[in-house]
Amino acid sequence: MIDRRIKFRHIQCFVEIARERSLKTAAEKLFLTQPAMSKTLKELEEIVGATLMRRSRSGVDLTRPGEVFLHFAQMSIASLQQGLDGIELEGRRQKDKLSVGALPSVAAHLMPLVVAEFARLAPNALLRILDGPHGYLTERLRLGELDLVIGRLGPSDTMQGISFTQLYDEQVVFVVRPGHPLLSAPDLRRVADWPVIYPPEGAAIRPLVEQFLIANGVGEFPNRLETVSGAFGRVHTRQSDCVWIISRGVVANEIAEGRLVALPFRTELTQGPVGLMTRPDHPETPVRQLFALAVTNVLAGKSSHMT
């Protein structure tokens, strides 16, 4: 068993003296006085019961027991340093984490740019993104599984206990594949002649779409499929004659690239705010502030595309 009287300062002083072969130089390296170094060395020799060093005009020389002790003393310091380095490395691995919910209207169009900007602002942060419908994400937010949600403002009954900070406004669009028959003679009342991909119950845009259709004298669509799946909507719309009713942000890239076409309907009535949703009782954190800054920076650089 190691004698409990041996302290790290004893080992450190002994190794430094052996390395420098001078009490004076070793004391300077450790920012100690020479008498303090001599006292520490003497304490160590008394504890181990052996003379470890001898002084001479040329400096300090190790005795045979000193040579043996130095080997293991150096190993102990090296092992301790490795342990400290390991703790530091593990600390660096424990990155700041941020869990963000992204509604479909921002997941495809806005989030890739925000993620790139956030990586620039917080390179050591670990970002987790979860997409899904409004009700699902806001419930995850209330449960504390998400730190914030970015997307459309939902109906008042779905926003209980949630703070909302508006970023911009967004409209709903009716999109079809290039060459769709409706493009030659756009008419909102004729949409019912084709299959329709419609926002399901719980989707943030559904009440707005219903109000828009009622205001324009359009009844229910008899042949409709309800989904919030952006992946399905993009593929199915391009491969069929269906009409997809969706937030512009979900299909902004496809419209810009000509893979989908927005029918020229005036949908200002469907305009609604998109913003950041948080829990009021959730304390602000630096990493969350940096994410909000990333969003602000991206919108400032592309605000003309957000209307």
C-alpha atoms as a PDB file:
ATOM      1  CA  MET A   1       0.000   0.000   0.000  1.00  0.00           C
ATOM      2  CA  ILE A   2       1.253   3.485  -0.841  1.00  0.00           C
ATOM      3  CA  ASP A   3       2.264   5.527   2.199  1.00  0.00           C
ATOM      4  CA  ARG A   4      -0.420   8.172   2.559  1.00  0.00           C
ATOM      5  CA  ARG A   5       2.192  10.704   3.578  1.00  0.00           C
ATOM      6  CA  ILE A   6       3.499  10.812   0.009  1.00  0.00           C
ATOM      7  CA  LYS A   7       1.850  13.721  -1.796  1.00  0.00           C
ATOM      8  CA  PHE A   8       1.933  14.765  -5.423  1.00  0.00           C
ATOM      9  CA  ARG A   9       4.223  17.685  -4.543  1.00  0.00           C
ATOM     10  CA  HIS A  10       6.851  15.201  -3.338  1.00  0.00           C
ATOM     11  CA  ILE A  11       6.787  13.307  -6.644  1.00  0.00           C
ATOM     12  CA  GLN A  12       6.714  16.475  -8.726  1.00  0.00           C
ATOM     13  CA  CYS A  13       9.645  18.086  -6.902  1.00  0.00           C
ATOM     14  CA  PHE A  14      11.731  14.900  -7.041  1.00  0.00           C
ATOM     15  CA  VAL A  15      11.191  14.389 -10.789  1.00  0.00           C
ATOM     16  CA  GLU A  16      11.911  18.034 -11.583  1.00  0.00           C
ATOM     17  CA  ILE A  17      15.155  18.018  -9.563  1.00  0.00           C
ATOM     18  CA  ALA A  18      16.248  14.818 -11.313  1.00  0.00           C
ATOM     19  CA  ARG A  19      15.413  16.331 -14.709  1.00  0.00           C
ATOM     20  CA  GLU A  20      17.298  19.579 -14.076  1.00  0.00           C
ATOM     21  CA  ARG A  21      20.038  18.085 -11.836  1.00  0.00           C
ATOM     22  CA  SER A  22      19.830  21.349  -9.882  1.00  0.00           C
ATOM     23  CA  LEU A  23      17.744  22.374  -6.896  1.00  0.00           C
ATOM     24  CA  LYS A  24      17.926  26.016  -7.935  1.00  0.00           C
ATOM     25  CA  THR A  25      16.727  25.463 -11.507  1.00  0.00           C
ATOM     26  CA  ALA A  26      14.041  23.012 -10.447  1.00  0.00           C
ATOM     27  CA  ALA A  27      12.764  25.486  -7.854  1.00  0.00           C
ATOM     28  CA  GLU A  28      12.526  28.185 -10.520  1.00  0.00           C
ATOM     29  CA  LYS A  29      10.614  25.871 -12.855  1.00  0.00           C
ATOM     30  CA  LEU A  30       8.051  25.080 -10.160  1.00  0.00           C
ATOM     31  CA  PHE A  31       7.928  28.665  -8.860  1.00  0.00           C
ATOM     32  CA  LEU A  32       9.155  27.568  -5.434  1.00  0.00           C
ATOM     33  CA  THR A  33      12.053  28.675  -3.254  1.00  0.00           C
ATOM     34  CA  GLN A  34      15.171  26.531  -3.015  1.00  0.00           C
ATOM     35  CA  PRO A  35      14.706  25.918   0.751  1.00  0.00           C
ATOM     36  CA  ALA A  36      11.157  24.724   0.032  1.00  0.00           C
ATOM     37  CA  MET A  37      12.475  22.274  -2.562  1.00  0.00           C
ATOM     38  CA  SER A  38      15.122  20.978  -0.166  1.00  0.00           C
ATOM     39  CA  LYS A  39      12.533  20.494   2.567  1.00  0.00           C
ATOM     40  CA  THR A  40      10.176  18.600   0.227  1.00  0.00           C
ATOM     41  CA  LEU A  41      12.982  16.303  -0.950  1.00  0.00           C
ATOM     42  CA  LYS A  42      14.043  15.609   2.638  1.00  0.00           C
ATOM     43  CA  GLU A  43      10.417  14.742   3.588  1.00  0.00           C
ATOM     44  CA  LEU A  44      10.228  12.282   0.696  1.00  0.00           C
ATOM     45  CA  GLU A  45      13.503  10.588   1.655  1.00  0.00           C
ATOM     46  CA  GLU A  46      12.327  10.226   5.252  1.00  0.00           C
ATOM     47  CA  ILE A  47       9.039   8.669   4.072  1.00  0.00           C
ATOM     48  CA  VAL A  48      10.686   6.119   1.767  1.00  0.00           C
ATOM     49  CA  GLY A  49      13.554   5.501   4.186  1.00  0.00           C
ATOM     50  CA  ALA A  50      16.320   5.975   1.642  1.00  0.00           C
ATOM     51  CA  THR A  51      18.611   8.652   0.290  1.00  0.00           C
ATOM     52  CA  LEU A  52      17.438   9.423  -3.231  1.00  0.00           C
ATOM     53  CA  MET A  53      19.826  12.185  -4.251  1.00  0.00           C
ATOM     54  CA  ARG A  54      23.283  13.447  -3.375  1.00  0.00           C
ATOM     55  CA  ARG A  55      24.514  16.971  -3.899  1.00  0.00           C
ATOM     56  CA  SER A  56      27.864  17.710  -5.496  1.00  0.00           C
ATOM     57  CA  ARG A  57      29.619  20.679  -7.034  1.00  0.00           C
ATOM     58  CA  SER A  58      28.388  19.558 -10.451  1.00  0.00           C
ATOM     59  CA  GLY A  59      24.770  19.477  -9.260  1.00  0.00           C
ATOM     60  CA  VAL A  60      22.496  16.768  -7.947  1.00  0.00           C
ATOM     61  CA  ASP A  61      23.073  13.077  -8.653  1.00  0.00           C
ATOM     62  CA  LEU A  62      20.670  10.192  -8.176  1.00  0.00           C
ATOM     63  CA  THR A  63      21.577   7.324  -5.858  1.00  0.00           C
ATOM     64  CA  ARG A  64      20.738   3.781  -6.872  1.00  0.00           C
ATOM     65  CA  PRO A  65      17.444   3.881  -4.925  1.00  0.00           C
ATOM     66  CA  GLY A  66      16.844   7.289  -6.520  1.00  0.00           C
ATOM     67  CA  GLU A  67      17.227   5.830 -10.029  1.00  0.00           C
ATOM     68  CA  VAL A  68      14.713   3.104  -9.247  1.00  0.00           C
ATOM     69  CA  PHE A  69      12.263   5.553  -7.678  1.00  0.00           C
ATOM     70  CA  LEU A  70      12.596   8.020 -10.589  1.00  0.00           C
ATOM     71  CA  HIS A  71      11.486   5.416 -13.121  1.00  0.00           C
ATOM     72  CA  PHE A  72       8.196   4.792 -11.326  1.00  0.00           C
ATOM     73  CA  ALA A  73       7.715   8.426 -10.321  1.00  0.00           C
ATOM     74  CA  GLN A  74       7.881   9.465 -13.967  1.00  0.00           C
ATOM     75  CA  MET A  75       5.440   6.710 -14.897  1.00  0.00           C
ATOM     76  CA  SER A  76       2.999   7.873 -12.206  1.00  0.00           C
ATOM     77  CA  ILE A  77       3.113  11.488 -13.413  1.00  0.00           C
ATOM     78  CA  ALA A  78       2.677  10.358 -17.036  1.00  0.00           C
ATOM     79  CA  SER A  79      -0.312   8.193 -16.073  1.00  0.00           C
ATOM     80  CA  LEU A  80      -1.869  11.042 -14.134  1.00  0.00           C
ATOM     81  CA  GLN A  81      -1.400  13.382 -17.118  1.00  0.00           C
ATOM     82  CA  GLN A  82      -3.049  10.841 -19.398  1.00  0.00           C
ATOM     83  CA  GLY A  83      -5.980  10.686 -17.023  1.00  0.00           C
ATOM     84  CA  LEU A  84      -6.305  14.469 -17.007  1.00  0.00           C
ATOM     85  CA  ASP A  85      -6.047  14.572 -20.796  1.00  0.00           C
ATOM     86  CA  GLY A  86      -8.749  11.920 -21.026  1.00  0.00           C
ATOM     87  CA  ILE A  87     -11.081  13.953 -18.836  1.00  0.00           C
ATOM     88  CA  GLU A  88     -10.449  17.036 -20.973  1.00  0.00           C
ATOM     89  CA  LEU A  89     -11.107  15.089 -24.172  1.00  0.00           C
ATOM     90  CA  GLU A  90     -14.308  13.623 -22.782  1.00  0.00           C
ATOM     91  CA  GLY A  91     -15.370  17.121 -21.781  1.00  0.00           C
ATOM     92  CA  ARG A  92     -14.887  18.285 -25.340  1.00  0.00           C
ATOM     93  CA  ARG A  93     -16.950  15.349 -26.570  1.00  0.00           C
ATOM     94  CA  GLN A  94     -19.807  16.360 -24.297  1.00  0.00           C
ATOM     95  CA  LYS A  95     -20.925  19.066 -26.691  1.00  0.00           C
ATOM     96  CA  ASP A  96     -23.701  21.542 -26.111  1.00  0.00           C
ATOM     97  CA  LYS A  97     -26.796  19.830 -27.437  1.00  0.00           C
ATOM     98  CA  LEU A  98     -29.853  21.417 -29.035  1.00  0.00           C
ATOM     99  CA  SER A  99     -32.966  19.547 -30.124  1.00  0.00           C
ATOM    100  CA  VAL A 100     -35.057  21.391 -32.703  1.00  0.00           C
ATOM    101  CA  GLY A 101     -38.420  20.493 -34.172  1.00  0.00           C
ATOM    102  CA  ALA A 102     -38.896  21.602 -37.781  1.00  0.00           C
ATOM    103  CA  LEU A 103     -42.333  21.738 -39.350  1.00  0.00           C
ATOM    104  CA  PRO A 104     -42.537  20.745 -43.031  1.00  0.00           C
ATOM    105  CA  SER A 105     -42.751  24.382 -44.160  1.00  0.00           C
ATOM    106  CA  VAL A 106     -39.214  25.044 -42.924  1.00  0.00           C
ATOM    107  CA  ALA A 107     -37.554  21.604 -42.891  1.00  0.00           C
ATOM    108  CA  ALA A 108     -36.716  21.550 -46.599  1.00  0.00           C
ATOM    109  CA  HIS A 109     -36.365  25.208 -47.496  1.00  0.00           C
ATOM    110  CA  LEU A 110     -35.053  27.104 -44.490  1.00  0.00           C
ATOM    111  CA  MET A 111     -33.399  24.539 -42.215  1.00  0.00           C
ATOM    112  CA  PRO A 112     -30.467  23.538 -44.477  1.00  0.00           C
ATOM    113  CA  LEU A 113     -29.327  27.165 -44.570  1.00  0.00           C
ATOM    114  CA  VAL A 114     -29.910  27.631 -40.845  1.00  0.00           C
ATOM    115  CA  VAL A 115     -27.940  24.467 -40.033  1.00  0.00           C
ATOM    116  CA  ALA A 116     -24.982  25.722 -42.072  1.00  0.00           C
ATOM    117  CA  GLU A 117     -25.054  29.104 -40.347  1.00  0.00           C
ATOM    118  CA  PHE A 118     -25.475  27.515 -36.912  1.00  0.00           C
ATOM    119  CA  ALA A 119     -22.459  25.286 -37.567  1.00  0.00           C
ATOM    120  CA  ARG A 120     -20.443  28.417 -38.287  1.00  0.00           C
ATOM    121  CA  LEU A 121     -21.618  30.161 -35.104  1.00  0.00           C
ATOM    122  CA  ALA A 122     -21.432  27.108 -32.806  1.00  0.00           C
ATOM    123  CA  PRO A 123     -19.022  24.573 -34.338  1.00  0.00           C
ATOM    124  CA  ASN A 124     -18.854  22.504 -31.136  1.00  0.00           C
ATOM    125  CA  ALA A 125     -22.605  22.172 -30.673  1.00  0.00           C
ATOM    126  CA  LEU A 126     -24.515  18.980 -31.443  1.00  0.00           C
ATOM    127  CA  LEU A 127     -27.759  19.700 -33.298  1.00  0.00           C
ATOM    128  CA  ARG A 128     -30.627  17.200 -33.414  1.00  0.00           C
ATOM    129  CA  ILE A 129     -33.485  17.885 -35.828  1.00  0.00           C
ATOM    130  CA  LEU A 130     -36.884  16.216 -35.680  1.00  0.00           C
ATOM    131  CA  ASP A 131     -39.527  16.900 -38.332  1.00  0.00           C
ATOM    132  CA  GLY A 132     -43.225  16.161 -38.223  1.00  0.00           C
ATOM    133  CA  PRO A 133     -46.691  17.707 -38.013  1.00  0.00           C
ATOM    134  CA  HIS A 134     -47.501  20.657 -35.781  1.00  0.00           C
ATOM    135  CA  GLY A 135     -49.312  18.762 -33.026  1.00  0.00           C
ATOM    136  CA  TYR A 136     -46.617  16.119 -32.717  1.00  0.00           C
ATOM    137  CA  LEU A 137     -43.751  18.616 -32.452  1.00  0.00           C
ATOM    138  CA  THR A 138     -45.463  20.986 -30.044  1.00  0.00           C
ATOM    139  CA  GLU A 139     -46.285  18.063 -27.766  1.00  0.00           C
ATOM    140  CA  ARG A 140     -42.601  17.021 -27.816  1.00  0.00           C
ATOM    141  CA  LEU A 141     -41.768  20.612 -26.908  1.00  0.00           C
ATOM    142  CA  ARG A 142     -44.128  20.594 -23.921  1.00  0.00           C
ATOM    143  CA  LEU A 143     -42.642  17.296 -22.726  1.00  0.00           C
ATOM    144  CA  GLY A 144     -39.154  18.777 -22.810  1.00  0.00           C
ATOM    145  CA  GLU A 145     -37.949  16.448 -25.571  1.00  0.00           C
ATOM    146  CA  LEU A 146     -37.349  19.463 -27.834  1.00  0.00           C
ATOM    147  CA  ASP A 147     -35.702  22.768 -26.956  1.00  0.00           C
ATOM    148  CA  LEU A 148     -37.620  24.703 -29.593  1.00  0.00           C
ATOM    149  CA  VAL A 149     -39.800  24.278 -32.660  1.00  0.00           C
ATOM    150  CA  ILE A 150     -39.658  26.350 -35.819  1.00  0.00           C
ATOM    151  CA  GLY A 151     -42.688  26.540 -38.087  1.00  0.00           C
ATOM    152  CA  ARG A 152     -46.154  27.953 -38.576  1.00  0.00           C
ATOM    153  CA  LEU A 153     -48.262  29.312 -35.758  1.00  0.00           C
ATOM    154  CA  GLY A 154     -50.977  26.783 -35.008  1.00  0.00           C
ATOM    155  CA  PRO A 155     -54.554  27.270 -33.786  1.00  0.00           C
ATOM    156  CA  SER A 156     -54.828  28.794 -30.318  1.00  0.00           C
ATOM    157  CA  ASP A 157     -55.833  25.507 -28.676  1.00  0.00           C
ATOM    158  CA  THR A 158     -52.573  23.906 -29.876  1.00  0.00           C
ATOM    159  CA  MET A 159     -50.388  26.733 -28.569  1.00  0.00           C
ATOM    160  CA  GLN A 160     -51.247  26.470 -24.864  1.00  0.00           C
ATOM    161  CA  GLY A 161     -48.101  26.864 -22.741  1.00  0.00           C
ATOM    162  CA  ILE A 162     -45.952  27.804 -25.723  1.00  0.00           C
ATOM    163  CA  SER A 163     -44.311  31.136 -26.559  1.00  0.00           C
ATOM    164  CA  PHE A 164     -44.191  32.183 -30.210  1.00  0.00           C
ATOM    165  CA  THR A 165     -41.753  34.653 -31.795  1.00  0.00           C
ATOM    166  CA  GLN A 166     -42.715  35.533 -35.360  1.00  0.00           C
ATOM    167  CA  LEU A 167     -40.035  35.452 -38.070  1.00  0.00           C
ATOM    168  CA  TYR A 168     -41.963  35.952 -41.323  1.00  0.00           C
ATOM    169  CA  ASP A 169     -45.299  35.264 -43.064  1.00  0.00           C
ATOM    170  CA  GLU A 170     -45.960  32.448 -45.497  1.00  0.00           C
ATOM    171  CA  GLN A 171     -48.800  31.480 -47.817  1.00  0.00           C
ATOM    172  CA  VAL A 172     -50.238  28.183 -48.965  1.00  0.00           C
ATOM    173  CA  VAL A 173     -49.835  27.213 -52.617  1.00  0.00           C
ATOM    174  CA  PHE A 174     -51.540  24.780 -54.978  1.00  0.00           C
ATOM    175  CA  VAL A 175     -48.786  22.972 -56.902  1.00  0.00           C
ATOM    176  CA  VAL A 176     -48.838  20.555 -59.821  1.00  0.00           C
ATOM    177  CA  ARG A 177     -46.350  18.903 -62.135  1.00  0.00           C
ATOM    178  CA  PRO A 178     -45.111  20.803 -65.202  1.00  0.00           C
ATOM    179  CA  GLY A 179     -47.527  20.254 -68.099  1.00  0.00           C
ATOM    180  CA  HIS A 180     -50.551  19.632 -65.845  1.00  0.00           C
ATOM    181  CA  PRO A 181     -53.893  20.282 -67.659  1.00  0.00           C
ATOM    182  CA  LEU A 182     -54.895  22.903 -65.072  1.00  0.00           C
ATOM    183  CA  LEU A 183     -51.988  25.128 -66.101  1.00  0.00           C
ATOM    184  CA  SER A 184     -53.604  25.857 -69.449  1.00  0.00           C
ATOM    185  CA  ALA A 185     -56.819  27.088 -67.818  1.00  0.00           C
ATOM    186  CA  PRO A 186     -56.307  27.669 -64.075  1.00  0.00           C
ATOM    187  CA  ASP A 187     -59.597  27.582 -62.197  1.00  0.00           C
ATOM    188  CA  LEU A 188     -59.897  26.961 -58.453  1.00  0.00           C
ATOM    189  CA  ARG A 189     -63.296  25.328 -58.938  1.00  0.00           C
ATOM    190  CA  ARG A 190     -61.789  22.756 -61.322  1.00  0.00           C
ATOM    191  CA  VAL A 191     -59.244  21.501 -58.743  1.00  0.00           C
ATOM    192  CA  ALA A 192     -61.850  18.962 -57.624  1.00  0.00           C
ATOM    193  CA  ASP A 193     -61.585  17.295 -61.049  1.00  0.00           C
ATOM    194  CA  TRP A 194     -58.205  15.860 -60.029  1.00  0.00           C
ATOM    195  CA  PRO A 195     -56.895  13.994 -56.992  1.00  0.00           C
ATOM    196  CA  VAL A 196     -55.855  16.363 -54.205  1.00  0.00           C
ATOM    197  CA  ILE A 197     -53.173  16.013 -51.525  1.00  0.00           C
ATOM    198  CA  TYR A 198     -54.762  17.810 -48.590  1.00  0.00           C
ATOM    199  CA  PRO A 199     -53.422  18.875 -45.145  1.00  0.00           C
ATOM    200  CA  PRO A 200     -54.672  16.449 -42.475  1.00  0.00           C
ATOM    201  CA  GLU A 201     -56.344  17.191 -39.158  1.00  0.00           C
ATOM    202  CA  GLY A 202     -53.836  18.834 -36.812  1.00  0.00           C
ATOM    203  CA  ALA A 203     -51.833  20.443 -39.604  1.00  0.00           C
ATOM    204  CA  ALA A 204     -51.238  24.138 -38.936  1.00  0.00           C
ATOM    205  CA  ILE A 205     -52.430  25.159 -42.408  1.00  0.00           C
ATOM    206  CA  ARG A 206     -55.643  23.109 -42.489  1.00  0.00           C
ATOM    207  CA  PRO A 207     -57.945  25.743 -40.898  1.00  0.00           C
ATOM    208  CA  LEU A 208     -56.519  28.375 -43.261  1.00  0.00           C
ATOM    209  CA  VAL A 209     -57.079  26.165 -46.302  1.00  0.00           C
ATOM    210  CA  GLU A 210     -60.656  25.428 -45.217  1.00  0.00           C
ATOM    211  CA  GLN A 211     -61.382  29.135 -44.742  1.00  0.00           C
ATOM    212  CA  PHE A 212     -59.845  29.931 -48.122  1.00  0.00           C
ATOM    213  CA  LEU A 213     -61.965  27.330 -49.925  1.00  0.00           C
ATOM    214  CA  ILE A 214     -65.176  28.453 -48.189  1.00  0.00           C
ATOM    215  CA  ALA A 215     -64.425  32.097 -49.041  1.00  0.00           C
ATOM    216  CA  ASN A 216     -64.051  31.112 -52.687  1.00  0.00           C
ATOM    217  CA  GLY A 217     -67.181  28.949 -52.772  1.00  0.00           C
ATOM    218  CA  VAL A 218     -65.323  25.674 -53.163  1.00  0.00           C
ATOM    219  CA  GLY A 219     -66.695  22.606 -51.407  1.00  0.00           C
ATOM    220  CA  GLU A 220     -64.909  19.493 -50.202  1.00  0.00           C
ATOM    221  CA  PHE A 221     -62.727  17.578 -52.608  1.00  0.00           C
ATOM    222  CA  PRO A 222     -64.214  14.105 -53.144  1.00  0.00           C
ATOM    223  CA  ASN A 223     -60.937  12.506 -54.239  1.00  0.00           C
ATOM    224  CA  ARG A 224     -58.366  13.563 -51.708  1.00  0.00           C
ATOM    225  CA  LEU A 225     -55.462  12.094 -49.802  1.00  0.00           C
ATOM    226  CA  GLU A 226     -54.448  13.618 -46.471  1.00  0.00           C
ATOM    227  CA  THR A 227     -50.776  13.656 -45.464  1.00  0.00           C
ATOM    228  CA  VAL A 228     -48.009  15.913 -44.150  1.00  0.00           C
ATOM    229  CA  SER A 229     -45.286  13.842 -45.802  1.00  0.00           C
ATOM    230  CA  GLY A 230     -43.196  16.164 -47.913  1.00  0.00           C
ATOM    231  CA  ALA A 231     -41.223  13.282 -49.398  1.00  0.00           C
ATOM    232  CA  PHE A 232     -44.388  11.534 -50.585  1.00  0.00           C
ATOM    233  CA  GLY A 233     -45.991  14.751 -51.806  1.00  0.00           C
ATOM    234  CA  ARG A 234     -43.021  15.732 -53.952  1.00  0.00           C
ATOM    235  CA  VAL A 235     -42.750  12.365 -55.697  1.00  0.00           C
ATOM    236  CA  HIS A 236     -46.483  11.707 -56.096  1.00  0.00           C
ATOM    237  CA  THR A 237     -47.215  15.181 -57.449  1.00  0.00           C
ATOM    238  CA  ARG A 238     -44.447  14.966 -60.049  1.00  0.00           C
ATOM    239  CA  GLN A 239     -45.595  11.510 -61.164  1.00  0.00           C
ATOM    240  CA  SER A 240     -49.356  12.094 -61.325  1.00  0.00           C
ATOM    241  CA  ASP A 241     -52.025  14.679 -62.100  1.00  0.00           C
ATOM    242  CA  CYS A 242     -52.779  15.372 -58.435  1.00  0.00           C
ATOM    243  CA  VAL A 243     -52.920  18.885 -56.966  1.00  0.00           C
ATOM    244  CA  TRP A 244     -50.924  19.378 -53.772  1.00  0.00           C
ATOM    245  CA  ILE A 245     -52.095  22.003 -51.267  1.00  0.00           C
ATOM    246  CA  ILE A 246     -49.087  22.852 -49.147  1.00  0.00           C
ATOM    247  CA  SER A 247     -47.119  25.667 -47.487  1.00  0.00           C
ATOM    248  CA  ARG A 248     -44.876  27.427 -49.993  1.00  0.00           C
ATOM    249  CA  GLY A 249     -41.771  26.726 -47.907  1.00  0.00           C
ATOM    250  CA  VAL A 250     -42.197  22.973 -48.311  1.00  0.00           C
ATOM    251  CA  VAL A 251     -41.939  23.174 -52.105  1.00  0.00           C
ATOM    252  CA  ALA A 252     -39.950  26.399 -52.565  1.00  0.00           C
ATOM    253  CA  ASN A 253     -36.909  24.527 -53.883  1.00  0.00           C
ATOM    254  CA  GLU A 254     -38.976  22.454 -56.321  1.00  0.00           C
ATOM    255  CA  ILE A 255     -40.760  25.561 -57.643  1.00  0.00           C
ATOM    256  CA  ALA A 256     -37.471  27.424 -58.063  1.00  0.00           C
ATOM    257  CA  GLU A 257     -35.972  24.457 -59.955  1.00  0.00           C
ATOM    258  CA  GLY A 258     -39.039  23.979 -62.174  1.00  0.00           C
ATOM    259  CA  ARG A 259     -39.870  20.501 -60.880  1.00  0.00           C
ATOM    260  CA  LEU A 260     -43.247  21.712 -59.576  1.00  0.00           C
ATOM    261  CA  VAL A 261     -45.404  24.654 -60.642  1.00  0.00           C
ATOM    262  CA  ALA A 262     -47.605  26.817 -58.415  1.00  0.00           C
ATOM    263  CA  LEU A 263     -51.075  27.441 -59.841  1.00  0.00           C
ATOM    264  CA  PRO A 264     -51.730  31.205 -60.102  1.00  0.00           C
ATOM    265  CA  PHE A 265     -54.372  31.384 -57.376  1.00  0.00           C
ATOM    266  CA  ARG A 266     -54.487  34.375 -55.030  1.00  0.00           C
ATOM    267  CA  THR A 267     -53.987  32.684 -51.658  1.00  0.00           C
ATOM    268  CA  GLU A 268     -53.307  35.723 -49.460  1.00  0.00           C
ATOM    269  CA  LEU A 269     -56.099  34.524 -47.153  1.00  0.00           C
ATOM    270  CA  THR A 270     -53.933  31.534 -46.212  1.00  0.00           C
ATOM    271  CA  GLN A 271     -51.026  33.716 -45.133  1.00  0.00           C
ATOM    272  CA  GLY A 272     -49.836  32.931 -41.631  1.00  0.00           C
ATOM    273  CA  PRO A 273     -46.861  33.616 -39.376  1.00  0.00           C
ATOM    274  CA  VAL A 274     -43.853  31.319 -39.160  1.00  0.00           C
ATOM    275  CA  GLY A 275     -41.673  31.590 -36.080  1.00  0.00           C
ATOM    276  CA  LEU A 276     -39.823  30.063 -33.151  1.00  0.00           C
ATOM    277  CA  MET A 277     -41.801  28.216 -30.479  1.00  0.00           C
ATOM    278  CA  THR A 278     -40.387  27.705 -26.998  1.00  0.00           C
ATOM    279  CA  ARG A 279     -41.566  26.914 -23.481  1.00  0.00           C
ATOM    280  CA  PRO A 280     -41.788  30.022 -21.278  1.00  0.00           C
ATOM    281  CA  ASP A 281     -40.504  28.048 -18.277  1.00  0.00           C
ATOM    282  CA  HIS A 282     -37.476  26.769 -20.209  1.00  0.00           C
ATOM    283  CA  PRO A 283     -34.461  28.973 -19.322  1.00  0.00           C
ATOM    284  CA  GLU A 284     -32.628  30.570 -22.224  1.00  0.00           C
ATOM    285  CA  THR A 285     -29.289  28.980 -23.032  1.00  0.00           C
ATOM    286  CA  PRO A 286     -26.324  30.288 -25.070  1.00  0.00           C
ATOM    287  CA  VAL A 287     -26.690  27.518 -27.648  1.00  0.00           C
ATOM    288  CA  ARG A 288     -30.382  28.332 -28.138  1.00  0.00           C
ATOM    289  CA  GLN A 289     -29.544  31.999 -28.554  1.00  0.00           C
ATOM    290  CA  LEU A 290     -26.978  31.105 -31.205  1.00  0.00           C
ATOM    291  CA  PHE A 291     -29.566  29.061 -33.090  1.00  0.00           C
ATOM    292  CA  ALA A 292     -31.981  32.000 -33.037  1.00  0.00           C
ATOM    293  CA  LEU A 293     -29.171  34.206 -34.330  1.00  0.00           C
ATOM    294  CA  ALA A 294     -28.497  31.718 -37.126  1.00  0.00           C
ATOM    295  CA  VAL A 295     -32.153  31.888 -38.171  1.00  0.00           C
ATOM    296  CA  THR A 296     -32.079  35.696 -38.070  1.00  0.00           C
ATOM    297  CA  ASN A 297     -28.907  35.823 -40.159  1.00  0.00           C
ATOM    298  CA  VAL A 298     -30.334  33.503 -42.806  1.00  0.00           C
ATOM    299  CA  LEU A 299     -33.603  35.427 -43.049  1.00  0.00           C
ATOM    300  CA  ALA A 300     -31.747  38.715 -43.306  1.00  0.00           C
ATOM    301  CA  GLY A 301     -29.812  37.314 -46.234  1.00  0.00           C
ATOM    302  CA  LYS A 302     -32.815  35.893 -48.068  1.00  0.00           C
ATOM    303  CA  SER A 303     -35.794  37.910 -46.803  1.00  0.00           C
ATOM    304  CA  SER A 304     -37.018  38.487 -50.363  1.00  0.00           C
ATOM    305  CA  HIS A 305     -37.698  34.750 -50.676  1.00  0.00           C
ATOM    306  CA  MET A 306     -39.777  34.548 -47.509  1.00  0.00           C
ATOM    307  CA  THR A 307     -42.884  36.311 -48.813  1.00  0.00           C
END
